[in-house]
């Protein structure tokens, strides 16, 4: 079995990374592609009091178990399966059960800090950065966190002001320089997505 292909898709929270990833999966055929989200690899905080968990900086590189993520990506690219962690955003902890994933020939990795981590960048065949205006990102994050992650409006705003925006400026935005492709406007930019799809298909032919 030939080595798998890894596409990394980074950008601010709410920039449209998941939409771009899902669009690519549909275009390539979802049975060939698996999406791995960096958010699933947050460190498990179940051993500390809940009130202390909520005050953690979840937008700093240290919030993620990038060693485990790199290990799992390497296994997937080698044609193996992994026990993928399942993260509970409402409790800031990993669930006891895991999800069996793989093998797949194409892996899409999406997350805010994946281009900041050399051990992850070095595994990628294509590095993509989604460049979306911060006000749009904030509105999307606000809507998502209230609907999907049981957060209050005040808590989302507080977190955005104290950690999300500062960490974006310190760690995420500078990673743009590592990208092979920069996609403005996220998942709405079908021209850029079609170009990316063409490049992926070329890689698939080269790996065949």
N, C-alpha and C. Protein backbone atom coordinates (compact mmCIF):
# COMPACT_ATOMS: atom_id res chain seq x y z
N UNK A 1 0.84 -1.20 0.00
CA UNK A 1 0.00 0.00 0.00
C UNK A 1 0.87 1.24 0.00
N UNK A 2 0.58 2.20 -0.92
CA UNK A 2 1.38 3.41 -0.99
C UNK A 2 1.09 4.28 0.21
N UNK A 3 2.05 5.15 0.54
CA UNK A 3 1.89 6.03 1.69
C UNK A 3 0.74 7.00 1.44
N UNK A 4 0.00 7.29 2.50
CA UNK A 4 -1.15 8.18 2.38
C UNK A 4 -0.75 9.63 2.15
N UNK A 5 -1.74 10.44 1.84
CA UNK A 5 -1.56 11.87 1.57
C UNK A 5 -2.20 12.66 2.69
N UNK A 6 -1.49 13.65 3.22
CA UNK A 6 -2.00 14.49 4.30
C UNK A 6 -2.13 15.93 3.84
N UNK A 7 -3.36 16.46 3.96
CA UNK A 7 -3.63 17.86 3.65
C UNK A 7 -3.94 18.57 4.95
N UNK A 8 -3.17 19.58 5.31
CA UNK A 8 -3.39 20.36 6.52
C UNK A 8 -4.15 21.63 6.20
N UNK A 9 -5.23 21.90 6.93
CA UNK A 9 -6.04 23.09 6.70
C UNK A 9 -6.12 23.87 8.02
N UNK A 10 -5.49 25.04 8.04
CA UNK A 10 -5.40 25.85 9.26
C UNK A 10 -6.12 27.19 9.05
N UNK A 11 -6.24 27.94 10.15
CA UNK A 11 -6.88 29.25 10.11
C UNK A 11 -7.51 29.53 11.45
N UNK A 12 -8.01 30.75 11.61
CA UNK A 12 -8.63 31.15 12.87
C UNK A 12 -9.87 30.33 13.17
N UNK A 13 -10.24 30.29 14.43
CA UNK A 13 -11.51 29.66 14.82
C UNK A 13 -12.66 30.38 14.13
N UNK A 14 -13.50 29.63 13.42
CA UNK A 14 -14.61 30.22 12.70
C UNK A 14 -14.27 30.70 11.30
N UNK A 15 -13.08 30.37 10.82
CA UNK A 15 -12.65 30.86 9.50
C UNK A 15 -13.28 30.08 8.35
N UNK A 16 -13.76 28.86 8.63
CA UNK A 16 -14.36 28.05 7.58
C UNK A 16 -13.57 26.80 7.24
N UNK A 17 -12.68 26.38 8.15
CA UNK A 17 -11.82 25.21 7.90
C UNK A 17 -12.65 23.94 7.69
N UNK A 18 -13.64 23.75 8.54
CA UNK A 18 -14.45 22.53 8.45
C UNK A 18 -15.27 22.50 7.17
N UNK A 19 -15.81 23.65 6.77
CA UNK A 19 -16.58 23.72 5.54
C UNK A 19 -15.71 23.40 4.33
N UNK A 20 -14.50 23.95 4.29
CA UNK A 20 -13.57 23.65 3.20
C UNK A 20 -13.24 22.16 3.19
N UNK A 21 -12.95 21.60 4.38
CA UNK A 21 -12.61 20.18 4.48
C UNK A 21 -13.74 19.30 4.00
N UNK A 22 -14.97 19.60 4.43
CA UNK A 22 -16.12 18.80 4.02
C UNK A 22 -16.38 18.92 2.52
N UNK A 23 -16.18 20.10 1.96
CA UNK A 23 -16.37 20.30 0.52
C UNK A 23 -15.38 19.46 -0.27
N UNK A 24 -14.13 19.44 0.17
CA UNK A 24 -13.11 18.64 -0.51
C UNK A 24 -13.44 17.15 -0.40
N UNK A 25 -13.90 16.72 0.78
CA UNK A 25 -14.25 15.32 0.97
C UNK A 25 -15.35 14.90 0.00
N UNK A 26 -16.36 15.75 -0.15
CA UNK A 26 -17.47 15.43 -1.06
C UNK A 26 -16.99 15.35 -2.51
N UNK A 27 -16.09 16.26 -2.87
CA UNK A 27 -15.61 16.30 -4.26
C UNK A 27 -14.73 15.09 -4.58
N UNK A 28 -13.94 14.65 -3.60
CA UNK A 28 -13.02 13.53 -3.84
C UNK A 28 -13.69 12.18 -3.64
N UNK A 29 -14.78 12.17 -2.88
CA UNK A 29 -15.43 10.90 -2.53
C UNK A 29 -15.11 10.59 -1.08
N UNK A 30 -16.09 10.70 -0.23
CA UNK A 30 -15.86 10.60 1.21
C UNK A 30 -15.30 9.25 1.65
N UNK A 31 -15.51 8.19 0.83
CA UNK A 31 -15.00 6.87 1.22
C UNK A 31 -13.48 6.81 1.12
N UNK A 32 -12.87 7.74 0.39
CA UNK A 32 -11.40 7.76 0.23
C UNK A 32 -10.72 8.64 1.28
N UNK A 33 -11.51 9.53 1.90
CA UNK A 33 -10.93 10.59 2.73
C UNK A 33 -11.44 10.50 4.15
N UNK A 34 -10.57 10.79 5.11
CA UNK A 34 -10.99 10.93 6.50
C UNK A 34 -10.53 12.30 7.00
N UNK A 35 -11.37 12.94 7.81
CA UNK A 35 -11.00 14.23 8.39
C UNK A 35 -10.67 14.06 9.87
N UNK A 36 -9.52 14.57 10.26
CA UNK A 36 -9.09 14.57 11.65
C UNK A 36 -9.08 16.02 12.13
N UNK A 37 -9.72 16.28 13.27
CA UNK A 37 -9.77 17.63 13.80
C UNK A 37 -8.85 17.78 15.00
N UNK A 38 -8.04 18.81 14.96
CA UNK A 38 -7.11 19.08 16.06
C UNK A 38 -7.84 19.21 17.39
N UNK A 39 -9.07 19.75 17.37
CA UNK A 39 -9.84 19.92 18.60
C UNK A 39 -10.06 18.62 19.37
N UNK A 40 -10.07 17.51 18.65
CA UNK A 40 -10.26 16.22 19.32
C UNK A 40 -9.07 15.83 20.19
N UNK A 41 -7.95 16.54 19.99
CA UNK A 41 -6.71 16.19 20.69
C UNK A 41 -6.35 17.21 21.78
N UNK A 42 -7.36 17.91 22.29
CA UNK A 42 -7.12 18.69 23.50
C UNK A 42 -6.68 17.75 24.62
N UNK A 43 -5.79 18.25 25.49
CA UNK A 43 -5.41 17.46 26.66
C UNK A 43 -6.66 17.21 27.52
N UNK A 44 -6.72 16.03 28.09
CA UNK A 44 -7.82 15.65 28.97
C UNK A 44 -7.67 16.37 30.30
N UNK A 45 -8.68 17.16 30.70
CA UNK A 45 -8.63 17.93 31.95
C UNK A 45 -9.53 17.34 33.02
N UNK A 46 -9.90 16.10 32.85
CA UNK A 46 -10.86 15.49 33.79
C UNK A 46 -10.29 15.36 35.21
N UNK A 47 -8.99 15.45 35.36
CA UNK A 47 -8.38 15.26 36.68
C UNK A 47 -8.35 16.53 37.51
N UNK A 48 -8.78 17.66 36.94
CA UNK A 48 -8.76 18.91 37.70
C UNK A 48 -10.20 19.41 37.89
N UNK A 49 -10.46 20.23 38.92
CA UNK A 49 -11.82 20.71 39.18
C UNK A 49 -12.40 21.43 37.95
N UNK A 50 -13.72 21.31 37.79
CA UNK A 50 -14.36 21.85 36.59
C UNK A 50 -14.15 23.36 36.46
N UNK A 51 -14.27 24.10 37.57
CA UNK A 51 -14.10 25.56 37.52
C UNK A 51 -12.71 25.93 37.05
N UNK A 52 -11.72 25.11 37.37
CA UNK A 52 -10.35 25.38 36.92
C UNK A 52 -10.20 25.08 35.43
N UNK A 53 -10.95 24.10 34.95
CA UNK A 53 -10.88 23.76 33.53
C UNK A 53 -11.35 24.93 32.66
N UNK A 54 -12.45 25.56 33.07
CA UNK A 54 -13.05 26.60 32.23
C UNK A 54 -12.14 27.82 32.08
N UNK A 55 -11.19 27.98 32.99
CA UNK A 55 -10.29 29.13 32.91
C UNK A 55 -9.04 28.88 32.10
N UNK A 56 -8.88 27.69 31.56
CA UNK A 56 -7.70 27.36 30.78
C UNK A 56 -7.70 28.08 29.42
N UNK A 57 -6.49 28.27 28.90
CA UNK A 57 -6.33 28.87 27.58
C UNK A 57 -6.37 27.76 26.54
N UNK A 58 -7.49 27.62 25.84
CA UNK A 58 -7.66 26.54 24.88
C UNK A 58 -7.18 26.91 23.48
N UNK A 59 -6.59 28.09 23.35
CA UNK A 59 -6.08 28.53 22.05
C UNK A 59 -4.56 28.62 22.03
N UNK A 60 -3.92 28.13 23.08
CA UNK A 60 -2.45 28.08 23.16
C UNK A 60 -1.98 26.70 22.70
N UNK A 61 -0.82 26.62 22.05
CA UNK A 61 -0.31 25.31 21.60
C UNK A 61 -0.24 24.26 22.69
N UNK A 62 0.03 24.67 23.92
CA UNK A 62 0.16 23.72 25.02
C UNK A 62 -1.17 23.06 25.40
N UNK A 63 -2.29 23.58 24.89
CA UNK A 63 -3.59 22.99 25.20
C UNK A 63 -3.82 21.67 24.47
N UNK A 64 -2.99 21.40 23.46
CA UNK A 64 -3.20 20.24 22.60
C UNK A 64 -2.15 19.15 22.84
N UNK A 65 -2.56 17.91 22.67
CA UNK A 65 -1.65 16.78 22.73
C UNK A 65 -1.14 16.51 21.30
N UNK A 66 -0.25 17.37 20.84
CA UNK A 66 0.25 17.26 19.47
C UNK A 66 1.12 16.03 19.27
N UNK A 67 1.71 15.51 20.34
CA UNK A 67 2.52 14.29 20.21
C UNK A 67 1.63 13.11 19.82
N UNK A 68 0.48 12.97 20.50
CA UNK A 68 -0.45 11.89 20.16
C UNK A 68 -1.02 12.10 18.77
N UNK A 69 -1.34 13.35 18.42
CA UNK A 69 -1.87 13.64 17.10
C UNK A 69 -0.87 13.26 16.01
N UNK A 70 0.40 13.62 16.19
CA UNK A 70 1.43 13.27 15.20
C UNK A 70 1.59 11.75 15.09
N UNK A 71 1.51 11.08 16.23
CA UNK A 71 1.61 9.61 16.23
C UNK A 71 0.47 8.98 15.45
N UNK A 72 -0.74 9.46 15.68
CA UNK A 72 -1.91 8.92 14.98
C UNK A 72 -1.86 9.23 13.49
N UNK A 73 -1.42 10.42 13.13
CA UNK A 73 -1.32 10.77 11.71
C UNK A 73 -0.30 9.88 11.00
N UNK A 74 0.82 9.64 11.66
CA UNK A 74 1.85 8.76 11.08
C UNK A 74 1.29 7.36 10.85
N UNK A 75 0.52 6.86 11.80
CA UNK A 75 -0.09 5.54 11.65
C UNK A 75 -1.07 5.50 10.48
N UNK A 76 -1.90 6.54 10.37
CA UNK A 76 -2.86 6.61 9.28
C UNK A 76 -2.15 6.67 7.92
N UNK A 77 -1.10 7.46 7.84
CA UNK A 77 -0.36 7.61 6.58
C UNK A 77 0.38 6.33 6.21
N UNK A 78 0.64 5.50 7.21
CA UNK A 78 1.29 4.21 6.96
C UNK A 78 0.27 3.10 6.67
N UNK A 79 -1.00 3.50 6.54
CA UNK A 79 -2.03 2.52 6.19
C UNK A 79 -2.60 1.75 7.36
N UNK A 80 -2.46 2.29 8.58
CA UNK A 80 -2.97 1.63 9.77
C UNK A 80 -4.21 2.35 10.29
N UNK A 81 -4.89 1.71 11.23
CA UNK A 81 -6.04 2.32 11.88
C UNK A 81 -5.62 2.91 13.22
N UNK A 82 -6.44 3.83 13.75
CA UNK A 82 -6.14 4.45 15.05
C UNK A 82 -7.37 4.42 15.94
N UNK A 83 -7.12 4.57 17.24
CA UNK A 83 -8.21 4.77 18.22
C UNK A 83 -8.32 6.26 18.48
N UNK A 84 -9.20 6.89 17.75
CA UNK A 84 -9.33 8.35 17.76
C UNK A 84 -10.04 8.82 19.03
N UNK A 85 -9.46 9.78 19.77
CA UNK A 85 -10.12 10.27 20.99
C UNK A 85 -11.40 11.04 20.66
N UNK A 86 -12.33 11.04 21.62
CA UNK A 86 -13.57 11.80 21.50
C UNK A 86 -13.59 12.82 22.63
N UNK A 87 -13.63 14.10 22.26
CA UNK A 87 -13.54 15.18 23.25
C UNK A 87 -14.91 15.76 23.54
N UNK A 88 -15.18 16.00 24.82
CA UNK A 88 -16.45 16.58 25.26
C UNK A 88 -16.20 18.05 25.59
N UNK A 89 -16.67 18.96 24.74
CA UNK A 89 -16.41 20.39 24.92
C UNK A 89 -17.14 20.96 26.13
N UNK A 90 -18.25 20.38 26.51
CA UNK A 90 -19.01 20.92 27.64
C UNK A 90 -18.33 20.65 28.98
N UNK A 91 -17.50 19.60 29.03
CA UNK A 91 -16.81 19.26 30.29
C UNK A 91 -15.29 19.42 30.19
N UNK A 92 -14.80 19.76 28.99
CA UNK A 92 -13.36 19.91 28.76
C UNK A 92 -12.60 18.63 29.14
N UNK A 93 -13.13 17.50 28.68
CA UNK A 93 -12.47 16.23 29.00
C UNK A 93 -12.70 15.24 27.87
N UNK A 94 -11.86 14.22 27.81
CA UNK A 94 -12.04 13.15 26.83
C UNK A 94 -13.01 12.11 27.36
N UNK A 95 -13.82 11.62 26.45
CA UNK A 95 -14.71 10.53 26.82
C UNK A 95 -13.90 9.24 26.93
N UNK A 96 -14.43 8.27 27.68
CA UNK A 96 -13.71 7.01 27.86
C UNK A 96 -13.65 6.22 26.56
N UNK A 97 -14.73 6.29 25.78
CA UNK A 97 -14.73 5.55 24.51
C UNK A 97 -13.92 6.29 23.45
N UNK A 98 -13.43 5.55 22.48
CA UNK A 98 -12.71 6.10 21.34
C UNK A 98 -13.40 5.66 20.05
N UNK A 99 -12.95 6.19 18.94
CA UNK A 99 -13.55 5.87 17.64
C UNK A 99 -12.47 5.28 16.73
N UNK A 100 -12.77 4.11 16.17
CA UNK A 100 -11.81 3.44 15.29
C UNK A 100 -11.85 4.11 13.91
N UNK A 101 -10.70 4.58 13.43
CA UNK A 101 -10.63 5.27 12.15
C UNK A 101 -9.50 4.68 11.31
N UNK A 102 -9.78 4.56 9.99
CA UNK A 102 -8.76 4.13 9.05
C UNK A 102 -8.92 2.68 8.64
N UNK A 103 -8.07 2.25 7.70
CA UNK A 103 -7.11 3.10 6.98
C UNK A 103 -7.77 3.88 5.83
N UNK A 104 -7.20 5.03 5.49
CA UNK A 104 -7.66 5.85 4.38
C UNK A 104 -6.44 6.33 3.59
N UNK A 105 -6.62 6.53 2.30
CA UNK A 105 -5.50 6.97 1.47
C UNK A 105 -5.26 8.47 1.56
N UNK A 106 -6.31 9.22 1.95
CA UNK A 106 -6.18 10.68 2.06
C UNK A 106 -6.67 11.11 3.44
N UNK A 107 -5.86 11.91 4.12
CA UNK A 107 -6.22 12.42 5.45
C UNK A 107 -6.25 13.94 5.38
N UNK A 108 -7.36 14.53 5.82
CA UNK A 108 -7.45 15.98 5.96
C UNK A 108 -7.35 16.31 7.44
N UNK A 109 -6.36 17.10 7.81
CA UNK A 109 -6.18 17.55 9.19
C UNK A 109 -6.56 19.01 9.26
N UNK A 110 -7.52 19.34 10.13
CA UNK A 110 -7.91 20.75 10.25
C UNK A 110 -7.81 21.20 11.70
N UNK A 111 -7.34 22.45 11.88
CA UNK A 111 -7.20 22.98 13.23
C UNK A 111 -6.54 24.34 13.23
N UNK A 112 -6.67 25.04 14.33
CA UNK A 112 -6.16 26.41 14.39
C UNK A 112 -4.64 26.48 14.45
N UNK A 113 -4.01 25.48 15.04
CA UNK A 113 -2.57 25.57 15.32
C UNK A 113 -1.73 24.49 14.64
N UNK A 114 -2.29 23.81 13.66
CA UNK A 114 -1.56 22.69 13.06
C UNK A 114 -0.33 23.15 12.26
N UNK A 115 -0.36 24.37 11.72
CA UNK A 115 0.81 24.87 10.99
C UNK A 115 1.86 25.47 11.92
N UNK A 116 1.49 25.65 13.18
CA UNK A 116 2.45 26.17 14.16
C UNK A 116 3.38 25.09 14.68
N UNK A 117 2.99 23.83 14.49
CA UNK A 117 3.72 22.69 15.06
C UNK A 117 4.57 22.00 14.00
N UNK A 118 5.92 22.10 14.09
CA UNK A 118 6.79 21.50 13.06
C UNK A 118 6.56 20.01 12.85
N UNK A 119 6.30 19.26 13.92
CA UNK A 119 6.13 17.80 13.77
C UNK A 119 4.89 17.47 12.94
N UNK A 120 3.91 18.37 12.94
CA UNK A 120 2.73 18.18 12.10
C UNK A 120 2.97 18.69 10.68
N UNK A 121 3.58 19.85 10.57
CA UNK A 121 3.88 20.42 9.24
C UNK A 121 4.70 19.47 8.40
N UNK A 122 5.66 18.82 9.03
CA UNK A 122 6.57 17.95 8.28
C UNK A 122 5.89 16.72 7.71
N UNK A 123 4.71 16.39 8.21
CA UNK A 123 3.96 15.24 7.70
C UNK A 123 3.07 15.62 6.51
N UNK A 124 2.85 16.91 6.30
CA UNK A 124 1.85 17.38 5.34
C UNK A 124 2.39 17.41 3.90
N UNK A 125 1.54 16.96 2.98
CA UNK A 125 1.85 17.09 1.55
C UNK A 125 1.40 18.44 1.00
N UNK A 126 0.30 18.96 1.55
CA UNK A 126 -0.20 20.29 1.17
C UNK A 126 -0.59 21.03 2.44
N UNK A 127 -0.15 22.28 2.55
CA UNK A 127 -0.48 23.11 3.72
C UNK A 127 -1.36 24.27 3.25
N UNK A 128 -2.55 24.36 3.85
CA UNK A 128 -3.55 25.35 3.45
C UNK A 128 -3.88 26.26 4.63
N UNK A 129 -4.04 27.56 4.33
CA UNK A 129 -4.45 28.52 5.36
C UNK A 129 -5.72 29.21 4.89
N UNK A 130 -6.77 29.18 5.74
CA UNK A 130 -8.03 29.85 5.43
C UNK A 130 -7.99 31.25 6.02
N UNK A 131 -8.04 32.27 5.16
CA UNK A 131 -7.85 33.66 5.58
C UNK A 131 -9.21 34.38 5.55
N UNK A 132 -9.86 34.45 6.70
CA UNK A 132 -11.19 35.06 6.81
C UNK A 132 -11.14 36.21 7.81
N UNK A 133 -11.88 37.28 7.53
CA UNK A 133 -11.91 38.46 8.40
C UNK A 133 -12.29 38.06 9.83
N UNK A 134 -11.62 38.69 10.81
CA UNK A 134 -11.82 38.30 12.21
C UNK A 134 -13.24 38.56 12.70
N UNK A 135 -13.90 39.60 12.21
CA UNK A 135 -15.26 39.84 12.68
C UNK A 135 -16.20 38.72 12.23
N UNK A 136 -15.98 38.20 11.04
CA UNK A 136 -16.77 37.07 10.54
C UNK A 136 -16.48 35.83 11.39
N UNK A 137 -15.21 35.62 11.69
CA UNK A 137 -14.81 34.46 12.52
C UNK A 137 -15.47 34.52 13.89
N UNK A 138 -15.50 35.71 14.48
CA UNK A 138 -16.09 35.84 15.82
C UNK A 138 -17.57 35.52 15.81
N UNK A 139 -18.30 36.04 14.83
CA UNK A 139 -19.75 35.78 14.75
C UNK A 139 -20.01 34.29 14.59
N UNK A 140 -19.24 33.64 13.73
CA UNK A 140 -19.41 32.19 13.53
C UNK A 140 -19.11 31.43 14.81
N UNK A 141 -18.04 31.82 15.50
CA UNK A 141 -17.67 31.13 16.74
C UNK A 141 -18.75 31.32 17.80
N UNK A 142 -19.28 32.53 17.90
CA UNK A 142 -20.32 32.82 18.87
C UNK A 142 -21.54 31.92 18.63
N UNK A 143 -21.97 31.84 17.38
CA UNK A 143 -23.13 31.02 17.04
C UNK A 143 -22.85 29.54 17.31
N UNK A 144 -21.67 29.07 16.94
CA UNK A 144 -21.34 27.65 17.13
C UNK A 144 -21.24 27.27 18.60
N UNK A 145 -20.54 28.10 19.39
CA UNK A 145 -20.31 27.73 20.79
C UNK A 145 -21.60 27.75 21.60
N UNK A 146 -22.52 28.63 21.26
CA UNK A 146 -23.80 28.65 21.95
C UNK A 146 -24.64 27.44 21.56
N UNK A 147 -24.68 27.14 20.27
CA UNK A 147 -25.54 26.07 19.77
C UNK A 147 -24.98 24.68 20.04
N UNK A 148 -23.67 24.49 19.84
CA UNK A 148 -23.08 23.15 19.86
C UNK A 148 -22.30 22.83 21.12
N UNK A 149 -21.85 23.86 21.86
CA UNK A 149 -20.94 23.60 22.97
C UNK A 149 -21.45 24.12 24.31
N UNK A 150 -22.73 24.45 24.35
CA UNK A 150 -23.41 24.81 25.61
C UNK A 150 -22.75 25.99 26.32
N UNK A 151 -22.29 26.98 25.57
CA UNK A 151 -21.65 28.15 26.16
C UNK A 151 -22.63 29.32 26.20
N UNK A 152 -22.41 30.24 27.12
CA UNK A 152 -23.20 31.46 27.19
C UNK A 152 -22.55 32.54 26.33
N UNK A 153 -23.34 33.56 25.98
CA UNK A 153 -22.81 34.67 25.18
C UNK A 153 -21.66 35.34 25.91
N UNK A 154 -21.86 35.62 27.22
CA UNK A 154 -20.82 36.31 28.00
C UNK A 154 -19.52 35.51 28.05
N UNK A 155 -19.65 34.19 28.21
CA UNK A 155 -18.44 33.37 28.31
C UNK A 155 -17.68 33.33 26.99
N UNK A 156 -18.41 33.30 25.87
CA UNK A 156 -17.77 33.29 24.55
C UNK A 156 -17.03 34.61 24.31
N UNK A 157 -17.69 35.72 24.65
CA UNK A 157 -17.06 37.04 24.46
C UNK A 157 -15.83 37.18 25.34
N UNK A 158 -15.94 36.76 26.60
CA UNK A 158 -14.81 36.84 27.54
C UNK A 158 -13.63 36.02 27.03
N UNK A 159 -13.90 34.80 26.59
CA UNK A 159 -12.84 33.94 26.09
C UNK A 159 -12.20 34.53 24.83
N UNK A 160 -13.02 35.11 23.97
CA UNK A 160 -12.49 35.70 22.73
C UNK A 160 -11.56 36.85 23.04
N UNK A 161 -11.94 37.71 23.96
CA UNK A 161 -11.13 38.88 24.29
C UNK A 161 -9.84 38.51 25.01
N UNK A 162 -9.94 37.49 25.90
CA UNK A 162 -8.80 37.18 26.77
C UNK A 162 -7.80 36.21 26.13
N UNK A 163 -8.29 35.28 25.31
CA UNK A 163 -7.36 34.28 24.77
C UNK A 163 -7.45 34.08 23.26
N UNK A 164 -8.67 34.04 22.71
CA UNK A 164 -8.80 33.68 21.30
C UNK A 164 -8.09 34.68 20.39
N UNK A 165 -8.43 35.96 20.53
CA UNK A 165 -7.81 36.96 19.66
C UNK A 165 -6.31 37.12 19.93
N UNK A 166 -5.86 37.22 21.20
CA UNK A 166 -4.42 37.32 21.44
C UNK A 166 -3.63 36.12 20.90
N UNK A 167 -4.17 34.91 21.04
CA UNK A 167 -3.48 33.73 20.55
C UNK A 167 -3.47 33.68 19.02
N UNK A 168 -4.55 34.20 18.43
CA UNK A 168 -4.57 34.30 16.95
C UNK A 168 -3.42 35.18 16.48
N UNK A 169 -3.26 36.33 17.11
CA UNK A 169 -2.21 37.27 16.69
C UNK A 169 -0.82 36.72 16.97
N UNK A 170 -0.67 35.97 18.07
CA UNK A 170 0.66 35.46 18.45
C UNK A 170 1.05 34.20 17.70
N UNK A 171 0.10 33.28 17.51
CA UNK A 171 0.47 31.96 16.98
C UNK A 171 -0.15 31.60 15.63
N UNK A 172 -1.41 31.96 15.43
CA UNK A 172 -2.13 31.45 14.25
C UNK A 172 -1.84 32.26 13.00
N UNK A 173 -2.04 33.56 13.06
CA UNK A 173 -1.83 34.40 11.87
C UNK A 173 -0.41 34.32 11.33
N UNK A 174 0.64 34.28 12.19
CA UNK A 174 2.00 34.16 11.66
C UNK A 174 2.25 32.86 10.89
N UNK A 175 1.43 31.82 11.12
CA UNK A 175 1.62 30.54 10.43
C UNK A 175 1.26 30.62 8.95
N UNK A 176 0.67 31.72 8.56
CA UNK A 176 0.30 31.90 7.15
C UNK A 176 1.52 31.74 6.24
N UNK A 177 2.69 32.08 6.76
CA UNK A 177 3.91 32.01 5.94
C UNK A 177 4.29 30.58 5.58
N UNK A 178 3.76 29.61 6.30
CA UNK A 178 4.08 28.21 6.00
C UNK A 178 3.15 27.61 4.94
N UNK A 179 2.07 28.30 4.62
CA UNK A 179 1.05 27.73 3.74
C UNK A 179 1.51 27.66 2.29
N UNK A 180 1.14 26.57 1.62
CA UNK A 180 1.33 26.45 0.18
C UNK A 180 0.21 27.17 -0.57
N UNK A 181 -0.99 27.15 0.03
CA UNK A 181 -2.16 27.77 -0.58
C UNK A 181 -2.89 28.57 0.50
N UNK A 182 -3.23 29.83 0.19
CA UNK A 182 -4.02 30.66 1.08
C UNK A 182 -5.38 30.88 0.43
N UNK A 183 -6.45 30.54 1.16
CA UNK A 183 -7.80 30.66 0.62
C UNK A 183 -8.55 31.78 1.34
N UNK A 184 -8.77 32.91 0.67
CA UNK A 184 -9.60 33.97 1.27
C UNK A 184 -11.07 33.55 1.29
N UNK A 185 -11.81 34.02 2.28
CA UNK A 185 -13.26 33.86 2.38
C UNK A 185 -13.69 32.42 2.67
N UNK A 186 -12.77 31.54 2.96
CA UNK A 186 -13.13 30.20 3.42
C UNK A 186 -13.91 29.37 2.43
N UNK A 187 -14.93 28.68 2.95
CA UNK A 187 -15.67 27.70 2.16
C UNK A 187 -16.48 28.27 1.02
N UNK A 188 -16.64 29.59 0.96
CA UNK A 188 -17.39 30.21 -0.13
C UNK A 188 -16.54 30.40 -1.38
N UNK A 189 -15.22 30.22 -1.23
CA UNK A 189 -14.31 30.46 -2.36
C UNK A 189 -14.14 29.18 -3.17
N UNK A 190 -15.08 28.91 -4.05
CA UNK A 190 -15.09 27.66 -4.80
C UNK A 190 -13.97 27.60 -5.83
N UNK A 191 -13.52 28.75 -6.34
CA UNK A 191 -12.40 28.75 -7.29
C UNK A 191 -11.15 28.20 -6.62
N UNK A 192 -10.84 28.70 -5.43
CA UNK A 192 -9.66 28.23 -4.70
C UNK A 192 -9.80 26.76 -4.31
N UNK A 193 -11.00 26.36 -3.91
CA UNK A 193 -11.21 24.96 -3.54
C UNK A 193 -11.03 24.04 -4.74
N UNK A 194 -11.49 24.47 -5.92
CA UNK A 194 -11.31 23.67 -7.14
C UNK A 194 -9.82 23.53 -7.49
N UNK A 195 -9.05 24.61 -7.29
CA UNK A 195 -7.61 24.55 -7.53
C UNK A 195 -6.95 23.56 -6.57
N UNK A 196 -7.36 23.62 -5.30
CA UNK A 196 -6.83 22.69 -4.30
C UNK A 196 -7.19 21.26 -4.65
N UNK A 197 -8.40 21.04 -5.08
CA UNK A 197 -8.85 19.70 -5.46
C UNK A 197 -8.00 19.15 -6.61
N UNK A 198 -7.71 20.00 -7.58
CA UNK A 198 -6.88 19.58 -8.72
C UNK A 198 -5.48 19.17 -8.26
N UNK A 199 -4.92 19.94 -7.33
CA UNK A 199 -3.60 19.61 -6.79
C UNK A 199 -3.63 18.28 -6.04
N UNK A 200 -4.69 18.04 -5.29
CA UNK A 200 -4.81 16.79 -4.55
C UNK A 200 -4.89 15.61 -5.51
N UNK A 201 -5.66 15.76 -6.57
CA UNK A 201 -5.78 14.69 -7.56
C UNK A 201 -4.45 14.39 -8.23
N UNK A 202 -3.64 15.43 -8.46
CA UNK A 202 -2.30 15.24 -9.02
C UNK A 202 -1.44 14.43 -8.07
N UNK A 203 -1.52 14.74 -6.77
CA UNK A 203 -0.76 13.99 -5.76
C UNK A 203 -1.21 12.53 -5.72
N UNK A 204 -2.51 12.32 -5.83
CA UNK A 204 -3.03 10.95 -5.81
C UNK A 204 -2.45 10.15 -6.96
N UNK A 205 -2.39 10.75 -8.14
CA UNK A 205 -1.83 10.07 -9.32
C UNK A 205 -0.35 9.77 -9.13
N UNK A 206 0.37 10.72 -8.49
CA UNK A 206 1.80 10.50 -8.25
C UNK A 206 2.06 9.41 -7.23
N UNK A 207 1.15 9.26 -6.27
CA UNK A 207 1.30 8.25 -5.23
C UNK A 207 0.84 6.87 -5.68
N UNK A 208 0.05 6.85 -6.75
CA UNK A 208 -0.52 5.56 -7.21
C UNK A 208 0.57 4.64 -7.73
